[in-house]
Amino acid sequence: MAGAVVLMTLVGGLATFSGPLLGAFVVVTIENKLGEIGNALAQLSGIDWFATLGDSVTLVTGAIFIICVLAFRRGIMGELASRWAKH
């Protein structure tokens, strides 16, 4: 459970109060809708493996963690704040 809290904080962003809240919403929504997303991808692509995504929540959560660490170092709110400050 502690890993999920860290993931939620990293996804949302560390520097703001709203970042971890947004991160929690995103992570929980993805975990809850992953089966539906997988089934839709399986129907669209014809690749049956996508239908098993609902059973692979840990794998997908790990992939989200890696993407956030590599691409969004400041989290969603940090990236939005950075872009907002540039304008």
PDB file of N, CA and C in Angstrom:
ATOM      1  N   MET A   1       0.820  -1.201   0.000  1.00  0.00           N
ATOM      2  CA  MET A   1       0.000   0.000   0.000  1.00  0.00           C
ATOM      3  C   MET A   1       0.862   1.262   0.000  1.00  0.00           C
ATOM      4  N   ALA A   2       2.004   1.213   0.659  1.00  0.00           N
ATOM      5  CA  ALA A   2       2.880   2.381   0.701  1.00  0.00           C
ATOM      6  C   ALA A   2       3.396   2.717  -0.690  1.00  0.00           C
ATOM      7  N   GLY A   3       3.650   1.705  -1.505  1.00  0.00           N
ATOM      8  CA  GLY A   3       4.091   1.940  -2.875  1.00  0.00           C
ATOM      9  C   GLY A   3       3.037   2.671  -3.688  1.00  0.00           C
ATOM     10  N   ALA A   4       1.780   2.345  -3.448  1.00  0.00           N
ATOM     11  CA  ALA A   4       0.694   3.020  -4.170  1.00  0.00           C
ATOM     12  C   ALA A   4       0.631   4.491  -3.788  1.00  0.00           C
ATOM     13  N   VAL A   5       0.861   4.793  -2.531  1.00  0.00           N
ATOM     14  CA  VAL A   5       0.844   6.185  -2.075  1.00  0.00           C
ATOM     15  C   VAL A   5       1.992   6.965  -2.706  1.00  0.00           C
ATOM     16  N   VAL A   6       3.165   6.357  -2.779  1.00  0.00           N
ATOM     17  CA  VAL A   6       4.315   7.005  -3.420  1.00  0.00           C
ATOM     18  C   VAL A   6       4.017   7.221  -4.903  1.00  0.00           C
ATOM     19  N   LEU A   7       3.456   6.225  -5.563  1.00  0.00           N
ATOM     20  CA  LEU A   7       3.104   6.348  -6.975  1.00  0.00           C
ATOM     21  C   LEU A   7       2.108   7.480  -7.190  1.00  0.00           C
ATOM     22  N   MET A   8       1.092   7.561  -6.358  1.00  0.00           N
ATOM     23  CA  MET A   8       0.089   8.618  -6.486  1.00  0.00           C
ATOM     24  C   MET A   8       0.724   9.992  -6.342  1.00  0.00           C
ATOM     25  N   THR A   9       1.653  10.117  -5.401  1.00  0.00           N
ATOM     26  CA  THR A   9       2.336  11.387  -5.180  1.00  0.00           C
ATOM     27  C   THR A   9       3.223  11.739  -6.368  1.00  0.00           C
ATOM     28  N   LEU A  10       3.943  10.763  -6.902  1.00  0.00           N
ATOM     29  CA  LEU A  10       4.813  11.029  -8.045  1.00  0.00           C
ATOM     30  C   LEU A  10       4.017  11.372  -9.304  1.00  0.00           C
ATOM     31  N   VAL A  11       2.917  10.687  -9.514  1.00  0.00           N
ATOM     32  CA  VAL A  11       2.092  10.958 -10.698  1.00  0.00           C
ATOM     33  C   VAL A  11       1.519  12.368 -10.625  1.00  0.00           C
ATOM     34  N   GLY A  12       1.005  12.738  -9.474  1.00  0.00           N
ATOM     35  CA  GLY A  12       0.384  14.056  -9.332  1.00  0.00           C
ATOM     36  C   GLY A  12       1.379  15.182  -9.224  1.00  0.00           C
ATOM     37  N   GLY A  13       2.456  14.966  -8.502  1.00  0.00           N
ATOM     38  CA  GLY A  13       3.466  16.005  -8.304  1.00  0.00           C
ATOM     39  C   GLY A  13       3.698  16.271  -6.842  1.00  0.00           C
ATOM     40  N   LEU A  14       4.941  16.522  -6.504  1.00  0.00           N
ATOM     41  CA  LEU A  14       5.341  16.683  -5.113  1.00  0.00           C
ATOM     42  C   LEU A  14       5.151  18.087  -4.561  1.00  0.00           C
ATOM     43  N   ALA A  15       5.217  19.083  -5.398  1.00  0.00           N
ATOM     44  CA  ALA A  15       5.326  20.458  -4.922  1.00  0.00           C
ATOM     45  C   ALA A  15       4.000  21.097  -4.500  1.00  0.00           C
ATOM     46  N   THR A  16       2.888  20.468  -4.767  1.00  0.00           N
ATOM     47  CA  THR A  16       1.593  21.083  -4.467  1.00  0.00           C
ATOM     48  C   THR A  16       0.734  20.134  -3.635  1.00  0.00           C
ATOM     49  N   PHE A  17      -0.273  20.704  -2.994  1.00  0.00           N
ATOM     50  CA  PHE A  17      -1.226  19.886  -2.247  1.00  0.00           C
ATOM     51  C   PHE A  17      -2.158  19.148  -3.205  1.00  0.00           C
ATOM     52  N   SER A  18      -2.497  19.803  -4.302  1.00  0.00           N
ATOM     53  CA  SER A  18      -3.438  19.197  -5.245  1.00  0.00           C
ATOM     54  C   SER A  18      -2.791  18.102  -6.087  1.00  0.00           C
ATOM     55  N   GLY A  19      -1.467  18.086  -6.204  1.00  0.00           N
ATOM     56  CA  GLY A  19      -0.777  17.079  -6.991  1.00  0.00           C
ATOM     57  C   GLY A  19      -1.052  15.657  -6.529  1.00  0.00           C
ATOM     58  N   PRO A  20      -0.787  15.330  -5.261  1.00  0.00           N
ATOM     59  CA  PRO A  20      -1.083  13.974  -4.801  1.00  0.00           C
ATOM     60  C   PRO A  20      -2.564  13.607  -4.881  1.00  0.00           C
ATOM     61  N   LEU A  21      -3.445  14.588  -4.708  1.00  0.00           N
ATOM     62  CA  LEU A  21      -4.878  14.303  -4.859  1.00  0.00           C
ATOM     63  C   LEU A  21      -5.204  13.915  -6.297  1.00  0.00           C
ATOM     64  N   LEU A  22      -4.659  14.666  -7.246  1.00  0.00           N
ATOM     65  CA  LEU A  22      -4.861  14.336  -8.655  1.00  0.00           C
ATOM     66  C   LEU A  22      -4.219  12.997  -8.983  1.00  0.00           C
ATOM     67  N   GLY A  23      -3.029  12.754  -8.448  1.00  0.00           N
ATOM     68  CA  GLY A  23      -2.350  11.482  -8.662  1.00  0.00           C
ATOM     69  C   GLY A  23      -3.156  10.311  -8.132  1.00  0.00           C
ATOM     70  N   ALA A  24      -3.755  10.475  -6.949  1.00  0.00           N
ATOM     71  CA  ALA A  24      -4.586   9.419  -6.382  1.00  0.00           C
ATOM     72  C   ALA A  24      -5.780   9.145  -7.283  1.00  0.00           C
ATOM     73  N   PHE A  25      -6.409  10.208  -7.780  1.00  0.00           N
ATOM     74  CA  PHE A  25      -7.551  10.044  -8.675  1.00  0.00           C
ATOM     75  C   PHE A  25      -7.150   9.298  -9.949  1.00  0.00           C
ATOM     76  N   VAL A  26      -6.036   9.686 -10.540  1.00  0.00           N
ATOM     77  CA  VAL A  26      -5.581   9.059 -11.788  1.00  0.00           C
ATOM     78  C   VAL A  26      -5.255   7.587 -11.572  1.00  0.00           C
ATOM     79  N   VAL A  27      -4.480   7.281 -10.535  1.00  0.00           N
ATOM     80  CA  VAL A  27      -4.053   5.897 -10.298  1.00  0.00           C
ATOM     81  C   VAL A  27      -5.244   5.002  -9.970  1.00  0.00           C
ATOM     82  N   VAL A  28      -6.129   5.451  -9.101  1.00  0.00           N
ATOM     83  CA  VAL A  28      -7.293   4.637  -8.727  1.00  0.00           C
ATOM     84  C   VAL A  28      -8.222   4.440  -9.919  1.00  0.00           C
ATOM     85  N   THR A  29      -8.412   5.479 -10.718  1.00  0.00           N
ATOM     86  CA  THR A  29      -9.258   5.361 -11.907  1.00  0.00           C
ATOM     87  C   THR A  29      -8.676   4.360 -12.890  1.00  0.00           C
ATOM     88  N   ILE A  30      -7.373   4.438 -13.128  1.00  0.00           N
ATOM     89  CA  ILE A  30      -6.742   3.488 -14.048  1.00  0.00           C
ATOM     90  C   ILE A  30      -6.869   2.065 -13.523  1.00  0.00           C
ATOM     91  N   GLU A  31      -6.623   1.875 -12.233  1.00  0.00           N
ATOM     92  CA  GLU A  31      -6.731   0.529 -11.658  1.00  0.00           C
ATOM     93  C   GLU A  31      -8.143  -0.020 -11.782  1.00  0.00           C
ATOM     94  N   ASN A  32      -9.141   0.829 -11.576  1.00  0.00           N
ATOM     95  CA  ASN A  32     -10.525   0.372 -11.632  1.00  0.00           C
ATOM     96  C   ASN A  32     -11.029   0.152 -13.054  1.00  0.00           C
ATOM     97  N   LYS A  33     -10.516   0.894 -14.003  1.00  0.00           N
ATOM     98  CA  LYS A  33     -10.994   0.815 -15.386  1.00  0.00           C
ATOM     99  C   LYS A  33     -10.081  -0.014 -16.285  1.00  0.00           C
ATOM    100  N   LEU A  34      -9.017  -0.579 -15.745  1.00  0.00           N
ATOM    101  CA  LEU A  34      -8.035  -1.277 -16.559  1.00  0.00           C
ATOM    102  C   LEU A  34      -8.627  -2.461 -17.317  1.00  0.00           C
ATOM    103  N   GLY A  35      -9.514  -3.210 -16.700  1.00  0.00           N
ATOM    104  CA  GLY A  35     -10.155  -4.335 -17.376  1.00  0.00           C
ATOM    105  C   GLY A  35     -10.971  -3.889 -18.573  1.00  0.00           C
ATOM    106  N   GLU A  36     -11.724  -2.810 -18.397  1.00  0.00           N
ATOM    107  CA  GLU A  36     -12.536  -2.280 -19.495  1.00  0.00           C
ATOM    108  C   GLU A  36     -11.655  -1.748 -20.622  1.00  0.00           C
ATOM    109  N   ILE A  37     -10.582  -1.056 -20.251  1.00  0.00           N
ATOM    110  CA  ILE A  37      -9.646  -0.530 -21.250  1.00  0.00           C
ATOM    111  C   ILE A  37      -9.014  -1.680 -22.025  1.00  0.00           C
ATOM    112  N   GLY A  38      -8.598  -2.725 -21.320  1.00  0.00           N
ATOM    113  CA  GLY A  38      -7.996  -3.892 -21.959  1.00  0.00           C
ATOM    114  C   GLY A  38      -8.944  -4.580 -22.920  1.00  0.00           C
ATOM    115  N   ASN A  39     -10.196  -4.742 -22.499  1.00  0.00           N
ATOM    116  CA  ASN A  39     -11.185  -5.377 -23.378  1.00  0.00           C
ATOM    117  C   ASN A  39     -11.432  -4.543 -24.633  1.00  0.00           C
ATOM    118  N   ALA A  40     -11.498  -3.225 -24.470  1.00  0.00           N
ATOM    119  CA  ALA A  40     -11.699  -2.354 -25.624  1.00  0.00           C
ATOM    120  C   ALA A  40     -10.510  -2.429 -26.578  1.00  0.00           C
ATOM    121  N   LEU A  41      -9.292  -2.429 -26.031  1.00  0.00           N
ATOM    122  CA  LEU A  41      -8.106  -2.544 -26.875  1.00  0.00           C
ATOM    123  C   LEU A  41      -8.062  -3.885 -27.597  1.00  0.00           C
ATOM    124  N   ALA A  42      -8.490  -4.948 -26.904  1.00  0.00           N
ATOM    125  CA  ALA A  42      -8.502  -6.275 -27.527  1.00  0.00           C
ATOM    126  C   ALA A  42      -9.485  -6.308 -28.695  1.00  0.00           C
ATOM    127  N   GLN A  43     -10.634  -5.692 -28.520  1.00  0.00           N
ATOM    128  CA  GLN A  43     -11.618  -5.666 -29.601  1.00  0.00           C
ATOM    129  C   GLN A  43     -11.147  -4.819 -30.774  1.00  0.00           C
ATOM    130  N   LEU A  44     -10.522  -3.683 -30.485  1.00  0.00           N
ATOM    131  CA  LEU A  44     -10.065  -2.790 -31.549  1.00  0.00           C
ATOM    132  C   LEU A  44      -8.886  -3.361 -32.331  1.00  0.00           C
ATOM    133  N   SER A  45      -7.955  -3.978 -31.603  1.00  0.00           N
ATOM    134  CA  SER A  45      -6.722  -4.425 -32.253  1.00  0.00           C
ATOM    135  C   SER A  45      -6.751  -5.887 -32.677  1.00  0.00           C
ATOM    136  N   GLY A  46      -7.616  -6.671 -32.062  1.00  0.00           N
ATOM    137  CA  GLY A  46      -7.638  -8.101 -32.344  1.00  0.00           C
ATOM    138  C   GLY A  46      -6.566  -8.876 -31.593  1.00  0.00           C
ATOM    139  N   ILE A  47      -5.855  -8.214 -30.700  1.00  0.00           N
ATOM    140  CA  ILE A  47      -4.814  -8.862 -29.899  1.00  0.00           C
ATOM    141  C   ILE A  47      -5.437  -9.282 -28.571  1.00  0.00           C
ATOM    142  N   ASP A  48      -5.564 -10.589 -28.362  1.00  0.00           N
ATOM    143  CA  ASP A  48      -6.247 -11.109 -27.176  1.00  0.00           C
ATOM    144  C   ASP A  48      -5.526 -10.797 -25.873  1.00  0.00           C
ATOM    145  N   TRP A  49      -4.224 -10.560 -25.930  1.00  0.00           N
ATOM    146  CA  TRP A  49      -3.461 -10.300 -24.707  1.00  0.00           C
ATOM    147  C   TRP A  49      -3.994  -9.086 -23.964  1.00  0.00           C
ATOM    148  N   PHE A  50      -4.489  -8.084 -24.692  1.00  0.00           N
ATOM    149  CA  PHE A  50      -4.993  -6.873 -24.047  1.00  0.00           C
ATOM    150  C   PHE A  50      -6.149  -7.171 -23.099  1.00  0.00           C
ATOM    151  N   ALA A  51      -6.906  -8.224 -23.365  1.00  0.00           N
ATOM    152  CA  ALA A  51      -8.039  -8.577 -22.504  1.00  0.00           C
ATOM    153  C   ALA A  51      -7.585  -8.997 -21.112  1.00  0.00           C
ATOM    154  N   THR A  52      -6.316  -9.362 -20.958  1.00  0.00           N
ATOM    155  CA  THR A  52      -5.809  -9.787 -19.644  1.00  0.00           C
ATOM    156  C   THR A  52      -5.223  -8.633 -18.843  1.00  0.00           C
ATOM    157  N   LEU A  53      -5.312  -7.405 -19.343  1.00  0.00           N
ATOM    158  CA  LEU A  53      -4.751  -6.266 -18.609  1.00  0.00           C
ATOM    159  C   LEU A  53      -5.388  -6.086 -17.237  1.00  0.00           C
ATOM    160  N   GLY A  54      -6.653  -6.405 -17.105  1.00  0.00           N
ATOM    161  CA  GLY A  54      -7.322  -6.290 -15.810  1.00  0.00           C
ATOM    162  C   GLY A  54      -6.683  -7.161 -14.750  1.00  0.00           C
ATOM    163  N   ASP A  55      -6.066  -8.260 -15.167  1.00  0.00           N
ATOM    164  CA  ASP A  55      -5.377  -9.146 -14.230  1.00  0.00           C
ATOM    165  C   ASP A  55      -3.944  -8.699 -13.977  1.00  0.00           C
ATOM    166  N   SER A  56      -3.469  -7.721 -14.720  1.00  0.00           N
ATOM    167  CA  SER A  56      -2.082  -7.281 -14.644  1.00  0.00           C
ATOM    168  C   SER A  56      -1.960  -5.869 -14.079  1.00  0.00           C
ATOM    169  N   VAL A  57      -2.730  -5.566 -13.052  1.00  0.00           N
ATOM    170  CA  VAL A  57      -2.732  -4.225 -12.475  1.00  0.00           C
ATOM    171  C   VAL A  57      -1.348  -3.846 -11.971  1.00  0.00           C
ATOM    172  N   THR A  58      -0.648  -4.771 -11.350  1.00  0.00           N
ATOM    173  CA  THR A  58       0.681  -4.483 -10.823  1.00  0.00           C
ATOM    174  C   THR A  58       1.654  -4.146 -11.945  1.00  0.00           C
ATOM    175  N   LEU A  59       1.574  -4.863 -13.045  1.00  0.00           N
ATOM    176  CA  LEU A  59       2.436  -4.601 -14.194  1.00  0.00           C
ATOM    177  C   LEU A  59       2.167  -3.215 -14.771  1.00  0.00           C
ATOM    178  N   VAL A  60       0.920  -2.874 -14.941  1.00  0.00           N
ATOM    179  CA  VAL A  60       0.566  -1.573 -15.496  1.00  0.00           C
ATOM    180  C   VAL A  60       0.938  -0.458 -14.520  1.00  0.00           C
ATOM    181  N   THR A  61       0.724  -0.666 -13.234  1.00  0.00           N
ATOM    182  CA  THR A  61       1.105   0.320 -12.232  1.00  0.00           C
ATOM    183  C   THR A  61       2.611   0.555 -12.264  1.00  0.00           C
ATOM    184  N   GLY A  62       3.385  -0.494 -12.406  1.00  0.00           N
ATOM    185  CA  GLY A  62       4.830  -0.355 -12.529  1.00  0.00           C
ATOM    186  C   GLY A  62       5.233   0.413 -13.766  1.00  0.00           C
ATOM    187  N   ALA A  63       4.553   0.163 -14.878  1.00  0.00           N
ATOM    188  CA  ALA A  63       4.840   0.888 -16.118  1.00  0.00           C
ATOM    189  C   ALA A  63       4.527   2.376 -15.958  1.00  0.00           C
ATOM    190  N   ILE A  64       3.417   2.688 -15.287  1.00  0.00           N
ATOM    191  CA  ILE A  64       3.065   4.087 -15.033  1.00  0.00           C
ATOM    192  C   ILE A  64       4.150   4.751 -14.186  1.00  0.00           C
ATOM    193  N   PHE A  65       4.634   4.042 -13.182  1.00  0.00           N
ATOM    194  CA  PHE A  65       5.689   4.559 -12.312  1.00  0.00           C
ATOM    195  C   PHE A  65       6.945   4.877 -13.118  1.00  0.00           C
ATOM    196  N   ILE A  66       7.353   3.961 -13.980  1.00  0.00           N
ATOM    197  CA  ILE A  66       8.554   4.159 -14.795  1.00  0.00           C
ATOM    198  C   ILE A  66       8.378   5.347 -15.737  1.00  0.00           C
ATOM    199  N   ILE A  67       7.218   5.448 -16.368  1.00  0.00           N
ATOM    200  CA  ILE A  67       6.960   6.561 -17.286  1.00  0.00           C
ATOM    201  C   ILE A  67       7.009   7.892 -16.542  1.00  0.00           C
ATOM    202  N   CYS A  68       6.408   7.936 -15.359  1.00  0.00           N
ATOM    203  CA  CYS A  68       6.407   9.180 -14.584  1.00  0.00           C
ATOM    204  C   CYS A  68       7.812   9.579 -14.162  1.00  0.00           C
ATOM    205  N   VAL A  69       8.607   8.625 -13.743  1.00  0.00           N
ATOM    206  CA  VAL A  69       9.965   8.930 -13.305  1.00  0.00           C
ATOM    207  C   VAL A  69      10.809   9.425 -14.480  1.00  0.00           C
ATOM    208  N   LEU A  70      10.639   8.825 -15.642  1.00  0.00           N
ATOM    209  CA  LEU A  70      11.458   9.197 -16.794  1.00  0.00           C
ATOM    210  C   LEU A  70      10.955  10.437 -17.527  1.00  0.00           C
ATOM    211  N   ALA A  71       9.652  10.582 -17.668  1.00  0.00           N
ATOM    212  CA  ALA A  71       9.112  11.635 -18.520  1.00  0.00           C
ATOM    213  C   ALA A  71       8.547  12.831 -17.756  1.00  0.00           C
ATOM    214  N   PHE A  72       7.916  12.592 -16.627  1.00  0.00           N
ATOM    215  CA  PHE A  72       7.255  13.658 -15.882  1.00  0.00           C
ATOM    216  C   PHE A  72       7.862  13.765 -14.496  1.00  0.00           C
ATOM    217  N   ARG A  73       9.060  14.273 -14.420  1.00  0.00           N
ATOM    218  CA  ARG A  73       9.771  14.327 -13.138  1.00  0.00           C
ATOM    219  C   ARG A  73       9.057  15.185 -12.103  1.00  0.00           C
ATOM    220  N   ARG A  74       8.287  16.151 -12.540  1.00  0.00           N
ATOM    221  CA  ARG A  74       7.573  17.029 -11.613  1.00  0.00           C
ATOM    222  C   ARG A  74       6.137  16.584 -11.375  1.00  0.00           C
ATOM    223  N   GLY A  75       5.697  15.522 -12.011  1.00  0.00           N
ATOM    224  CA  GLY A  75       4.316  15.072 -11.893  1.00  0.00           C
ATOM    225  C   GLY A  75       3.398  15.896 -12.774  1.00  0.00           C
ATOM    226  N   ILE A  76       2.141  15.541 -12.808  1.00  0.00           N
ATOM    227  CA  ILE A  76       1.171  16.222 -13.662  1.00  0.00           C
ATOM    228  C   ILE A  76       1.033  17.688 -13.268  1.00  0.00           C
ATOM    229  N   MET A  77       0.825  17.969 -11.994  1.00  0.00           N
ATOM    230  CA  MET A  77       0.632  19.352 -11.557  1.00  0.00           C
ATOM    231  C   MET A  77       1.903  20.167 -11.724  1.00  0.00           C
ATOM    232  N   GLY A  78       3.051  19.581 -11.482  1.00  0.00           N
ATOM    233  CA  GLY A  78       4.314  20.285 -11.674  1.00  0.00           C
ATOM    234  C   GLY A  78       4.542  20.655 -13.127  1.00  0.00           C
ATOM    235  N   GLU A  79       4.216  19.739 -14.032  1.00  0.00           N
ATOM    236  CA  GLU A  79       4.352  20.026 -15.456  1.00  0.00           C
ATOM    237  C   GLU A  79       3.372  21.113 -15.889  1.00  0.00           C
ATOM    238  N   LEU A  80       2.142  21.040 -15.399  1.00  0.00           N
ATOM    239  CA  LEU A  80       1.153  22.070 -15.739  1.00  0.00           C
ATOM    240  C   LEU A  80       1.579  23.434 -15.207  1.00  0.00           C
ATOM    241  N   ALA A  81       2.084  23.478 -13.977  1.00  0.00           N
ATOM    242  CA  ALA A  81       2.540  24.742 -13.389  1.00  0.00           C
ATOM    243  C   ALA A  81       3.724  25.297 -14.165  1.00  0.00           C
ATOM    244  N   SER A  82       4.625  24.444 -14.602  1.00  0.00           N
ATOM    245  CA  SER A  82       5.772  24.882 -15.380  1.00  0.00           C
ATOM    246  C   SER A  82       5.340  25.466 -16.724  1.00  0.00           C
ATOM    247  N   ARG A  83       4.402  24.818 -17.380  1.00  0.00           N
ATOM    248  CA  ARG A  83       3.910  25.337 -18.657  1.00  0.00           C
ATOM    249  C   ARG A  83       3.125  26.629 -18.468  1.00  0.00           C
ATOM    250  N   TRP A  84       2.393  26.716 -17.381  1.00  0.00           N
ATOM    251  CA  TRP A  84       1.606  27.916 -17.085  1.00  0.00           C
ATOM    252  C   TRP A  84       2.544  29.111 -16.843  1.00  0.00           C
ATOM    253  N   ALA A  85       3.668  28.872 -16.164  1.00  0.00           N
ATOM    254  CA  ALA A  85       4.613  29.945 -15.853  1.00  0.00           C
ATOM    255  C   ALA A  85       5.316  30.459 -17.108  1.00  0.00           C
ATOM    256  N   LYS A  86       5.440  29.614 -18.128  1.00  0.00           N
ATOM    257  CA  LYS A  86       6.108  30.032 -19.367  1.00  0.00           C
ATOM    258  C   LYS A  86       5.249  30.996 -20.189  1.00  0.00           C
ATOM    259  N   HIS A  87       3.934  30.966 -19.988  1.00  0.00           N
ATOM    260  CA  HIS A  87       3.043  31.808 -20.802  1.00  0.00           C
ATOM    261  C   HIS A  87       2.797  33.115 -20.132  1.00  0.00           C
TER     262      HIS A  87
END
